Amino acid sequence: MDNPEIRPARLEDFDELLELYHHLSSDDHAADPEHRKCTFERILAHPGLTILVGVQNGKLVATLTLVVIPNLTRGCAPYSLIENVVTRTEFRGLGIGAKLIEAAQELAWQAGCYKIMLMSGAQNAKAHAFYECAGFQRSKTGFELRRSEYPSRKPE
């Protein structure tokens, strides 16, 4: 198998990216198509926010989102957050996700980040092992607060 291309997402990746996110959460709450497209365009233009994709033989097979966040502590060194990590089911275990994590780490360090954070589902042992192999440590306890309903928003 060829080495995957790792690169930032582009506007023309939109449809394949949505299909790829289905491998992350098949029961995800979908917004209307116009709102999703506008949101994707806002993400691509947002400073400090990068969707990285892994492309194998011309097909999007993996992705993650990296957010670099300005910070007033730690000498004003930013920190980063990785979210929405997913590899197509049939491409898991081939090292593509690891290459994405390495690329995200490189971008975060280039931005001067002092740490990279991510959360993983509490029961997802395979993902936990993957992140530990990538150098992440279980160092904190994560908490989240979710809305009971999604807000109704129209594209801006």
C-alpha atoms as a PDB file:
ATOM      1  CA  MET A   1       0.000   0.000   0.000  1.00  0.00           C
ATOM      2  CA  ASP A   2       1.253   3.491  -0.880  1.00  0.00           C
ATOM      3  CA  ASN A   3       2.178   6.025   1.779  1.00  0.00           C
ATOM      4  CA  PRO A   4      -0.831   8.211   2.494  1.00  0.00           C
ATOM      5  CA  GLU A   5      -0.767  11.906   1.687  1.00  0.00           C
ATOM      6  CA  ILE A   6      -1.360  13.989   4.812  1.00  0.00           C
ATOM      7  CA  ARG A   7      -2.594  17.524   4.130  1.00  0.00           C
ATOM      8  CA  PRO A   8      -5.043  20.194   5.268  1.00  0.00           C
ATOM      9  CA  ALA A   9      -8.593  19.722   4.041  1.00  0.00           C
ATOM     10  CA  ARG A  10      -9.719  21.702   1.004  1.00  0.00           C
ATOM     11  CA  LEU A  11     -13.132  22.884  -0.097  1.00  0.00           C
ATOM     12  CA  GLU A  12     -13.392  20.049  -2.623  1.00  0.00           C
ATOM     13  CA  ASP A  13     -13.013  17.510   0.234  1.00  0.00           C
ATOM     14  CA  PHE A  14     -16.392  18.454   1.710  1.00  0.00           C
ATOM     15  CA  ASP A  15     -18.523  15.525   0.499  1.00  0.00           C
ATOM     16  CA  GLU A  16     -15.889  12.878   1.219  1.00  0.00           C
ATOM     17  CA  LEU A  17     -15.238  14.380   4.646  1.00  0.00           C
ATOM     18  CA  LEU A  18     -18.927  14.128   5.559  1.00  0.00           C
ATOM     19  CA  GLU A  19     -18.909  10.507   4.432  1.00  0.00           C
ATOM     20  CA  LEU A  20     -15.789   9.865   6.516  1.00  0.00           C
ATOM     21  CA  TYR A  21     -17.414  11.378   9.626  1.00  0.00           C
ATOM     22  CA  HIS A  22     -20.082   8.685   9.296  1.00  0.00           C
ATOM     23  CA  HIS A  23     -17.347   6.227  10.389  1.00  0.00           C
ATOM     24  CA  LEU A  24     -16.899   8.329  13.539  1.00  0.00           C
ATOM     25  CA  SER A  25     -20.555   8.555  14.502  1.00  0.00           C
ATOM     26  CA  SER A  26     -23.151   6.885  12.320  1.00  0.00           C
ATOM     27  CA  ASP A  27     -26.018   8.379  14.351  1.00  0.00           C
ATOM     28  CA  ASP A  28     -24.712  11.955  14.317  1.00  0.00           C
ATOM     29  CA  HIS A  29     -27.166  14.850  14.337  1.00  0.00           C
ATOM     30  CA  ALA A  30     -26.933  16.241  10.796  1.00  0.00           C
ATOM     31  CA  ALA A  31     -27.539  19.866   9.932  1.00  0.00           C
ATOM     32  CA  ASP A  32     -29.095  20.928   6.669  1.00  0.00           C
ATOM     33  CA  PRO A  33     -26.684  20.796   3.690  1.00  0.00           C
ATOM     34  CA  GLU A  34     -26.378  24.572   3.285  1.00  0.00           C
ATOM     35  CA  HIS A  35     -25.535  25.036   6.957  1.00  0.00           C
ATOM     36  CA  ARG A  36     -22.928  22.250   6.840  1.00  0.00           C
ATOM     37  CA  LYS A  37     -21.290  23.760   3.749  1.00  0.00           C
ATOM     38  CA  CYS A  38     -21.165  27.241   5.330  1.00  0.00           C
ATOM     39  CA  THR A  39     -19.737  25.783   8.528  1.00  0.00           C
ATOM     40  CA  PHE A  40     -17.043  23.937   6.574  1.00  0.00           C
ATOM     41  CA  GLU A  41     -16.093  27.148   4.774  1.00  0.00           C
ATOM     42  CA  ARG A  42     -15.868  28.953   8.137  1.00  0.00           C
ATOM     43  CA  ILE A  43     -13.662  26.174   9.531  1.00  0.00           C
ATOM     44  CA  LEU A  44     -11.289  26.369   6.565  1.00  0.00           C
ATOM     45  CA  ALA A  45     -10.969  30.151   7.026  1.00  0.00           C
ATOM     46  CA  HIS A  46     -10.655  30.096  10.827  1.00  0.00           C
ATOM     47  CA  PRO A  47      -7.154  30.988  12.113  1.00  0.00           C
ATOM     48  CA  GLY A  48      -5.680  28.262  14.300  1.00  0.00           C
ATOM     49  CA  LEU A  49      -8.113  25.588  13.169  1.00  0.00           C
ATOM     50  CA  THR A  50      -6.974  22.873  10.777  1.00  0.00           C
ATOM     51  CA  ILE A  51      -8.737  19.780   9.529  1.00  0.00           C
ATOM     52  CA  LEU A  52      -6.029  17.345   8.459  1.00  0.00           C
ATOM     53  CA  VAL A  53      -6.894  14.538   6.083  1.00  0.00           C
ATOM     54  CA  GLY A  54      -5.181  11.317   5.118  1.00  0.00           C
ATOM     55  CA  VAL A  55      -5.561  10.454   1.450  1.00  0.00           C
ATOM     56  CA  GLN A  56      -4.862   6.956   0.122  1.00  0.00           C
ATOM     57  CA  ASN A  57      -5.024   6.341  -3.635  1.00  0.00           C
ATOM     58  CA  GLY A  58      -7.032   9.537  -4.145  1.00  0.00           C
ATOM     59  CA  LYS A  59      -9.598   8.732  -1.428  1.00  0.00           C
ATOM     60  CA  LEU A  60     -10.038  10.455   1.952  1.00  0.00           C
ATOM     61  CA  VAL A  61      -9.525   7.677   4.490  1.00  0.00           C
ATOM     62  CA  ALA A  62      -8.752   9.491   7.760  1.00  0.00           C
ATOM     63  CA  THR A  63      -9.096  12.877   9.404  1.00  0.00           C
ATOM     64  CA  LEU A  64      -8.673  14.863  12.585  1.00  0.00           C
ATOM     65  CA  THR A  65      -9.239  18.445  13.628  1.00  0.00           C
ATOM     66  CA  LEU A  66      -6.485  20.443  15.344  1.00  0.00           C
ATOM     67  CA  VAL A  67      -7.307  23.665  17.175  1.00  0.00           C
ATOM     68  CA  VAL A  68      -4.532  25.978  18.404  1.00  0.00           C
ATOM     69  CA  ILE A  69      -5.801  28.134  21.260  1.00  0.00           C
ATOM     70  CA  PRO A  70      -4.147  31.373  22.445  1.00  0.00           C
ATOM     71  CA  ASN A  71      -3.355  31.362  26.148  1.00  0.00           C
ATOM     72  CA  LEU A  72      -2.490  33.857  28.892  1.00  0.00           C
ATOM     73  CA  THR A  73      -0.714  31.316  31.126  1.00  0.00           C
ATOM     74  CA  ARG A  74       2.511  29.361  30.498  1.00  0.00           C
ATOM     75  CA  GLY A  75       4.262  32.479  29.198  1.00  0.00           C
ATOM     76  CA  CYS A  76       1.419  32.994  26.705  1.00  0.00           C
ATOM     77  CA  ALA A  77       2.295  29.707  24.980  1.00  0.00           C
ATOM     78  CA  PRO A  78      -0.800  28.405  23.197  1.00  0.00           C
ATOM     79  CA  TYR A  79      -2.154  24.916  23.685  1.00  0.00           C
ATOM     80  CA  SER A  80      -3.921  22.690  21.217  1.00  0.00           C
ATOM     81  CA  LEU A  81      -6.827  20.330  21.090  1.00  0.00           C
ATOM     82  CA  ILE A  82      -7.355  17.370  18.768  1.00  0.00           C
ATOM     83  CA  GLU A  83     -10.930  16.360  17.996  1.00  0.00           C
ATOM     84  CA  ASN A  84     -12.928  14.283  15.499  1.00  0.00           C
ATOM     85  CA  VAL A  85     -10.234  11.654  14.927  1.00  0.00           C
ATOM     86  CA  VAL A  86     -11.459   8.952  12.569  1.00  0.00           C
ATOM     87  CA  THR A  87     -10.129   6.453  10.044  1.00  0.00           C
ATOM     88  CA  ARG A  88     -12.358   4.524   7.656  1.00  0.00           C
ATOM     89  CA  THR A  89     -13.007   1.137   9.176  1.00  0.00           C
ATOM     90  CA  GLU A  90     -11.282  -0.788   6.365  1.00  0.00           C
ATOM     91  CA  PHE A  91      -8.126   1.383   6.647  1.00  0.00           C
ATOM     92  CA  ARG A  92      -7.612   1.072  10.417  1.00  0.00           C
ATOM     93  CA  GLY A  93      -4.381  -0.474  11.643  1.00  0.00           C
ATOM     94  CA  LEU A  94      -2.343   0.628   8.598  1.00  0.00           C
ATOM     95  CA  GLY A  95      -0.569   3.564  10.273  1.00  0.00           C
ATOM     96  CA  ILE A  96      -2.568   6.330   8.587  1.00  0.00           C
ATOM     97  CA  GLY A  97      -4.021   7.628  11.853  1.00  0.00           C
ATOM     98  CA  ALA A  98      -0.541   7.638  13.390  1.00  0.00           C
ATOM     99  CA  LYS A  99       0.729   9.768  10.508  1.00  0.00           C
ATOM    100  CA  LEU A 100      -2.154  12.208  11.063  1.00  0.00           C
ATOM    101  CA  ILE A 101      -1.336  12.463  14.774  1.00  0.00           C
ATOM    102  CA  GLU A 102       2.347  13.073  13.929  1.00  0.00           C
ATOM    103  CA  ALA A 103       1.385  15.826  11.474  1.00  0.00           C
ATOM    104  CA  ALA A 104      -0.925  17.443  14.044  1.00  0.00           C
ATOM    105  CA  GLN A 105       1.830  17.298  16.651  1.00  0.00           C
ATOM    106  CA  GLU A 106       4.275  18.943  14.263  1.00  0.00           C
ATOM    107  CA  LEU A 107       1.793  21.754  13.506  1.00  0.00           C
ATOM    108  CA  ALA A 108       1.126  22.291  17.219  1.00  0.00           C
ATOM    109  CA  TRP A 109       4.822  22.465  18.079  1.00  0.00           C
ATOM    110  CA  GLN A 110       5.434  24.843  15.140  1.00  0.00           C
ATOM    111  CA  ALA A 111       2.687  27.091  16.553  1.00  0.00           C
ATOM    112  CA  GLY A 112       4.529  27.171  19.886  1.00  0.00           C
ATOM    113  CA  CYS A 113       2.005  25.065  21.794  1.00  0.00           C
ATOM    114  CA  TYR A 114       3.141  23.754  25.156  1.00  0.00           C
ATOM    115  CA  LYS A 115       0.696  20.823  25.126  1.00  0.00           C
ATOM    116  CA  ILE A 116      -1.750  18.910  22.975  1.00  0.00           C
ATOM    117  CA  MET A 117      -4.942  17.599  24.518  1.00  0.00           C
ATOM    118  CA  LEU A 118      -7.528  15.137  23.315  1.00  0.00           C
ATOM    119  CA  MET A 119     -10.383  13.206  24.790  1.00  0.00           C
ATOM    120  CA  SER A 120     -11.470   9.696  23.958  1.00  0.00           C
ATOM    121  CA  GLY A 121     -14.604   7.780  24.849  1.00  0.00           C
ATOM    122  CA  ALA A 122     -14.185   6.240  28.297  1.00  0.00           C
ATOM    123  CA  GLN A 123     -14.813   2.690  27.048  1.00  0.00           C
ATOM    124  CA  ASN A 124     -12.828   2.880  23.797  1.00  0.00           C
ATOM    125  CA  ALA A 125      -9.833   0.701  24.734  1.00  0.00           C
ATOM    126  CA  LYS A 126      -8.544   0.419  21.141  1.00  0.00           C
ATOM    127  CA  ALA A 127      -8.452   4.198  20.768  1.00  0.00           C
ATOM    128  CA  HIS A 128      -6.771   4.561  24.158  1.00  0.00           C
ATOM    129  CA  ALA A 129      -4.031   2.125  23.129  1.00  0.00           C
ATOM    130  CA  PHE A 130      -3.621   3.996  19.831  1.00  0.00           C
ATOM    131  CA  TYR A 131      -3.178   7.356  21.592  1.00  0.00           C
ATOM    132  CA  GLU A 132      -0.752   5.891  24.111  1.00  0.00           C
ATOM    133  CA  CYS A 133       1.336   4.429  21.267  1.00  0.00           C
ATOM    134  CA  ALA A 134       1.371   7.940  19.764  1.00  0.00           C
ATOM    135  CA  GLY A 135       2.931   9.265  22.999  1.00  0.00           C
ATOM    136  CA  PHE A 136      -0.135  10.609  24.790  1.00  0.00           C
ATOM    137  CA  GLN A 137      -0.415   9.973  28.519  1.00  0.00           C
ATOM    138  CA  ARG A 138      -3.476   9.571  30.698  1.00  0.00           C
ATOM    139  CA  SER A 139      -2.809  12.535  32.916  1.00  0.00           C
ATOM    140  CA  LYS A 140      -6.112  14.223  33.670  1.00  0.00           C
ATOM    141  CA  THR A 141      -9.768  13.415  34.123  1.00  0.00           C
ATOM    142  CA  GLY A 142     -12.011  14.782  31.392  1.00  0.00           C
ATOM    143  CA  PHE A 143     -15.440  16.227  31.937  1.00  0.00           C
ATOM    144  CA  GLU A 144     -18.069  17.398  29.509  1.00  0.00           C
ATOM    145  CA  LEU A 145     -21.451  19.009  29.659  1.00  0.00           C
ATOM    146  CA  ARG A 146     -23.780  18.403  26.743  1.00  0.00           C
ATOM    147  CA  ARG A 147     -26.955  20.181  25.774  1.00  0.00           C
ATOM    148  CA  SER A 148     -30.074  18.069  25.877  1.00  0.00           C
ATOM    149  CA  GLU A 149     -31.067  19.393  22.435  1.00  0.00           C
ATOM    150  CA  TYR A 150     -29.134  20.897  19.573  1.00  0.00           C
ATOM    151  CA  PRO A 151     -29.925  24.549  18.931  1.00  0.00           C
ATOM    152  CA  SER A 152     -31.715  25.432  15.729  1.00  0.00           C
ATOM    153  CA  ARG A 153     -29.279  27.615  13.786  1.00  0.00           C
ATOM    154  CA  LYS A 154     -29.435  28.835  10.282  1.00  0.00           C
ATOM    155  CA  PRO A 155     -26.321  29.534   8.207  1.00  0.00           C
ATOM    156  CA  GLU A 156     -24.743  32.908   8.891  1.00  0.00           C
END
